[in-house]
Protein backbone atom coordinates (compact mmCIF):
# COMPACT_ATOMS: atom_id res chain seq x y z
CA MET A 1 12.92 -18.59 -9.91
CA PRO A 2 11.73 -22.25 -9.94
CA GLU A 3 8.99 -23.28 -12.51
CA GLY A 4 5.48 -23.39 -11.60
CA VAL A 5 3.67 -26.37 -11.05
CA LEU A 6 0.36 -27.15 -13.30
CA ILE A 7 -2.86 -28.83 -11.99
CA THR A 8 -5.80 -29.61 -14.01
CA PHE A 9 -9.21 -30.94 -13.19
CA GLU A 10 -10.91 -33.07 -15.45
CA GLY A 11 -14.55 -34.61 -15.59
CA ILE A 12 -18.04 -34.91 -16.75
CA GLU A 13 -20.28 -31.95 -16.31
CA GLY A 14 -21.40 -32.24 -12.41
CA ALA A 15 -18.78 -34.07 -11.46
CA GLY A 16 -17.71 -31.98 -8.76
CA LYS A 17 -14.61 -30.10 -10.72
CA THR A 18 -15.70 -26.65 -9.48
CA THR A 19 -16.14 -28.02 -5.73
CA GLN A 20 -12.75 -29.15 -5.56
CA ILE A 21 -11.11 -26.46 -7.09
CA GLU A 22 -12.67 -23.94 -4.65
CA LEU A 23 -11.81 -26.26 -1.74
CA LEU A 24 -8.03 -26.34 -3.14
CA VAL A 25 -8.29 -22.57 -4.06
CA ASN A 26 -9.31 -22.02 -0.48
CA TRP A 27 -6.65 -24.07 1.02
CA LEU A 28 -3.72 -22.58 -0.97
CA ILE A 29 -4.81 -18.84 0.43
CA GLU A 30 -5.01 -20.37 3.95
CA HIS A 31 -1.01 -21.41 3.57
CA ASN A 32 -0.19 -18.41 1.76
CA ILE A 33 0.67 -20.24 -1.25
CA THR A 34 0.71 -17.89 -4.46
CA HIS A 35 -1.30 -19.47 -7.45
CA ARG A 36 -3.49 -18.33 -10.29
CA TYR A 37 -6.89 -20.19 -11.27
CA PHE A 38 -8.30 -20.41 -14.89
CA ARG A 39 -11.15 -21.87 -16.90
CA GLU A 40 -11.54 -23.27 -20.26
CA PRO A 41 -13.02 -21.77 -22.19
CA GLY A 42 -12.35 -18.32 -20.31
CA SER A 43 -9.91 -16.49 -18.52
CA THR A 44 -8.87 -14.57 -21.56
CA ALA A 45 -11.12 -12.15 -23.49
CA LEU A 46 -11.20 -14.46 -26.62
CA GLY A 47 -11.81 -17.38 -24.13
CA GLU A 48 -14.84 -15.55 -22.41
CA LYS A 49 -16.34 -14.85 -25.84
CA VAL A 50 -16.20 -18.37 -27.23
CA ARG A 51 -17.76 -19.45 -23.57
CA GLU A 52 -20.63 -17.30 -24.01
CA LEU A 53 -20.98 -18.30 -27.68
CA LEU A 54 -20.96 -21.62 -26.92
CA LEU A 55 -22.82 -21.68 -23.49
CA ASN A 56 -25.56 -19.34 -25.31
CA ASP A 57 -28.88 -21.57 -25.47
CA ASN A 58 -29.76 -19.21 -28.53
CA HIS A 59 -26.59 -19.86 -30.13
CA ILE A 60 -26.10 -20.39 -34.02
CA ASP A 61 -25.87 -24.35 -34.78
CA ILE A 62 -22.01 -24.74 -34.62
CA ASP A 63 -20.77 -28.17 -36.47
CA PRO A 64 -18.24 -30.27 -34.39
CA VAL A 65 -15.17 -29.31 -36.10
CA SER A 66 -16.06 -25.42 -36.04
CA GLU A 67 -16.87 -26.16 -32.11
CA LEU A 68 -13.30 -27.77 -31.59
CA PHE A 69 -11.61 -24.74 -33.90
CA LEU A 70 -13.45 -22.05 -31.28
CA TYR A 71 -11.82 -24.24 -28.21
CA LEU A 72 -8.46 -24.46 -29.63
CA SER A 73 -8.31 -20.85 -30.38
CA ALA A 74 -9.72 -20.16 -26.75
CA ARG A 75 -6.73 -22.28 -25.52
CA SER A 76 -4.18 -20.99 -27.48
CA ALA A 77 -4.80 -17.60 -25.91
CA LEU A 78 -4.84 -18.76 -22.98
CA VAL A 79 -1.78 -20.59 -22.74
CA HIS A 80 0.15 -17.72 -24.48
CA LYS A 81 -1.34 -14.83 -22.53
CA GLU A 82 -1.81 -16.51 -19.26
CA LEU A 83 -0.57 -20.08 -18.96
CA LYS A 84 3.02 -19.89 -19.94
CA PRO A 85 3.52 -16.35 -18.13
CA ALA A 86 2.24 -17.57 -14.64
CA LEU A 87 4.34 -20.97 -14.48
CA ALA A 88 7.52 -19.07 -15.73
CA ASP A 89 6.62 -16.69 -12.79
CA GLY A 90 6.51 -19.64 -10.61
CA TYR A 91 3.05 -19.80 -9.98
CA LEU A 92 0.99 -23.14 -8.84
CA VAL A 93 -1.69 -23.13 -11.84
CA ILE A 94 -4.91 -24.66 -11.60
CA LEU A 95 -7.20 -25.35 -14.62
CA ASP A 96 -10.71 -26.07 -14.90
CA ARG A 97 -10.13 -28.38 -17.97
CA PHE A 98 -7.75 -28.46 -20.35
CA THR A 99 -6.54 -30.87 -22.93
CA ASP A 100 -7.90 -34.11 -21.64
CA SER A 101 -11.36 -32.33 -21.88
CA THR A 102 -10.71 -31.80 -26.14
CA ILE A 103 -9.33 -35.50 -25.81
CA ALA A 104 -12.93 -36.69 -24.43
C-alpha cells in the first residue's frame, strides 16, 4: 500500500484555514478520495481536553512553558494514535495546524 500524504494548513486566527479545509474536504469527497482530517489541539481524547483547557475563557493562568507542554502532549497523542496509522494506511491527511504553529 502506498504511503499517505500530509497537508497542513497554517495561519493566524481568521486567516481562512477552516474555510480552505472545508473546500478541500468537499472536493475530496466529490472525487471519492479517502482522507482524514485532524485539528490541533484536538482529534484525540487528550487533545480535546487540552483544547478545552486552553480555549476556555475561565481557564487558570498558564505560563508559556506549561502551555507549550500541553500543546506538545496533545500533538504526541495525535501523531501516535491517529496521524502515523492514517499515513501508513495510505490516507491523504489534512491537519488544521501542526508544527509550524508551535514555532511561530
